[in-house]
Amino acid sequence: MKAIVDKKQIEKLYLEGMTAPEIAKKLNCKKDTIKKCIQRNFDWLKTDHQIALTRRREVVKAVNYQANRYMGDSTFVKKNRSIYKTKPNGDIVLNKEVAPVVTWDTPRRLANENKVRL
């Protein structure tokens, strides 16, 4: 059975700078299906896609910079220890059982800087 995809929707998302895996997740279909659709139908839009992708990444980078400007990840983890757990190697990771849903700017992991590598 062939998957039916909305080419107009894929084109719109592709021109917004979304990658094939992101489009596939959003439209709830396979990544390979989206890749093939883009390859067959929208290869001529590659330059516009690259410009939009770069713009999107720059916006995310700027927003992350602003979000972390006031409180860094380590400070956030220290102030909110109840939603984190410490792994045997010393890394501090988000405890999904305590906090199953968190905001996009919540640090997921804080690596132990004093790890001994074997």
Protein backbone atom coordinates (compact mmCIF):
# COMPACT_ATOMS: atom_id res chain seq x y z
CA MET A 1 0.00 0.00 0.00
CA LYS A 2 1.43 3.37 -1.01
CA ALA A 3 1.45 6.28 1.37
CA ILE A 4 -0.39 9.34 0.14
CA VAL A 5 1.40 12.58 0.93
CA ASP A 6 0.24 16.15 0.47
CA LYS A 7 2.83 17.65 -1.89
CA LYS A 8 1.66 21.21 -1.26
CA GLN A 9 2.12 20.78 2.48
CA ILE A 10 5.57 19.22 1.99
CA GLU A 11 6.58 22.06 -0.33
CA LYS A 12 5.39 24.66 2.19
CA LEU A 13 7.30 23.05 5.07
CA TYR A 14 10.39 22.49 2.89
CA LEU A 15 10.42 26.19 1.96
CA GLU A 16 10.11 27.11 5.66
CA GLY A 17 13.47 25.37 6.17
CA MET A 18 12.28 22.16 7.78
CA THR A 19 14.36 19.03 7.16
CA ALA A 20 12.92 15.76 5.85
CA PRO A 21 12.85 14.08 9.30
CA GLU A 22 11.08 17.12 10.80
CA ILE A 23 8.51 17.15 7.99
CA ALA A 24 7.97 13.40 8.37
CA LYS A 25 7.37 13.76 12.10
CA LYS A 26 4.97 16.67 11.57
CA LEU A 27 2.98 14.86 8.85
CA ASN A 28 3.21 11.48 10.60
CA CYS A 29 4.80 9.53 7.75
CA LYS A 30 8.12 7.90 6.91
CA LYS A 31 11.28 9.97 6.52
CA ASP A 32 12.23 8.11 3.33
CA THR A 33 8.85 8.93 1.78
CA ILE A 34 9.40 12.64 2.39
CA LYS A 35 12.99 12.50 1.12
CA LYS A 36 11.88 10.82 -2.10
CA CYS A 37 9.02 13.30 -2.58
CA ILE A 38 11.43 16.23 -2.15
CA GLN A 39 13.96 14.61 -4.48
CA ARG A 40 11.37 14.00 -7.20
CA ASN A 41 9.31 17.18 -6.96
CA PHE A 42 11.21 19.98 -5.23
CA ASP A 43 14.89 19.55 -6.09
CA TRP A 44 14.79 22.90 -7.88
CA LEU A 45 13.89 24.62 -4.56
CA LYS A 46 17.09 23.48 -2.84
CA THR A 47 18.66 26.99 -2.72
CA ASP A 48 15.53 28.54 -1.19
CA HIS A 49 15.39 25.67 1.30
CA GLN A 50 19.03 26.17 2.34
CA ILE A 51 18.43 29.90 2.91
CA ALA A 52 15.33 29.22 5.03
CA LEU A 53 17.10 26.43 6.95
CA THR A 54 20.03 28.72 7.78
CA ARG A 55 17.64 31.50 8.83
CA ARG A 56 15.69 29.08 11.07
CA ARG A 57 18.87 27.79 12.73
CA GLU A 58 20.11 31.34 13.35
CA VAL A 59 16.80 32.27 15.00
CA VAL A 60 16.98 29.20 17.26
CA LYS A 61 20.59 30.04 18.14
CA ALA A 62 19.65 33.64 19.02
CA VAL A 63 16.68 32.56 21.12
CA ASN A 64 18.79 29.98 22.98
CA TYR A 65 21.43 32.63 23.64
CA GLN A 66 18.83 34.99 25.09
CA ALA A 67 17.25 32.21 27.16
CA ASN A 68 20.59 31.17 28.68
CA ARG A 69 21.84 34.70 29.19
CA TYR A 70 20.21 35.12 32.56
CA MET A 71 20.67 31.62 34.01
CA GLY A 72 23.04 29.01 32.67
CA ASP A 73 22.30 25.28 32.55
CA SER A 74 24.38 24.41 35.62
CA THR A 75 22.69 27.11 37.71
CA PHE A 76 19.25 25.95 36.56
CA VAL A 77 20.06 22.34 37.48
CA LYS A 78 21.36 23.38 40.92
CA LYS A 79 18.21 25.41 41.63
CA ASN A 80 15.86 22.64 40.42
CA ARG A 81 17.54 19.44 41.69
CA SER A 82 14.19 17.73 42.36
CA ILE A 83 13.53 17.09 38.65
CA TYR A 84 16.97 15.58 37.98
CA LYS A 85 18.72 12.33 38.83
CA THR A 86 22.43 11.54 38.92
CA LYS A 87 23.75 8.66 36.81
CA PRO A 88 26.57 6.40 38.04
CA ASN A 89 29.10 8.20 35.81
CA GLY A 90 28.25 11.52 37.49
CA ASP A 91 26.13 13.03 34.70
CA ILE A 92 22.95 14.74 35.86
CA VAL A 93 19.95 13.96 33.62
CA LEU A 94 16.30 14.97 33.58
CA ASN A 95 14.09 12.49 35.44
CA LYS A 96 11.16 11.77 33.10
CA GLU A 97 9.17 10.14 35.91
CA VAL A 98 9.22 13.30 38.01
CA ALA A 99 8.97 15.80 35.14
CA PRO A 100 7.48 14.08 32.06
CA VAL A 101 6.76 17.41 30.31
CA VAL A 102 9.17 20.35 30.43
CA THR A 103 9.70 23.50 28.38
CA TRP A 104 11.99 23.52 25.35
CA ASP A 105 14.71 25.48 27.16
CA THR A 106 14.97 23.15 30.18
CA PRO A 107 18.40 21.48 30.21
CA ARG A 108 18.07 17.74 29.59
CA ARG A 109 21.60 16.78 30.69
CA LEU A 110 24.51 18.26 32.59
CA ALA A 111 27.72 16.36 31.90
CA ASN A 112 30.14 15.64 34.72
CA GLU A 113 33.30 17.59 33.92
CA ASN A 114 35.45 15.45 36.26
CA LYS A 115 34.70 12.08 34.62
CA VAL A 116 37.56 9.64 34.42
CA ARG A 117 37.66 7.96 31.04
CA LEU A 118 39.06 4.48 30.82
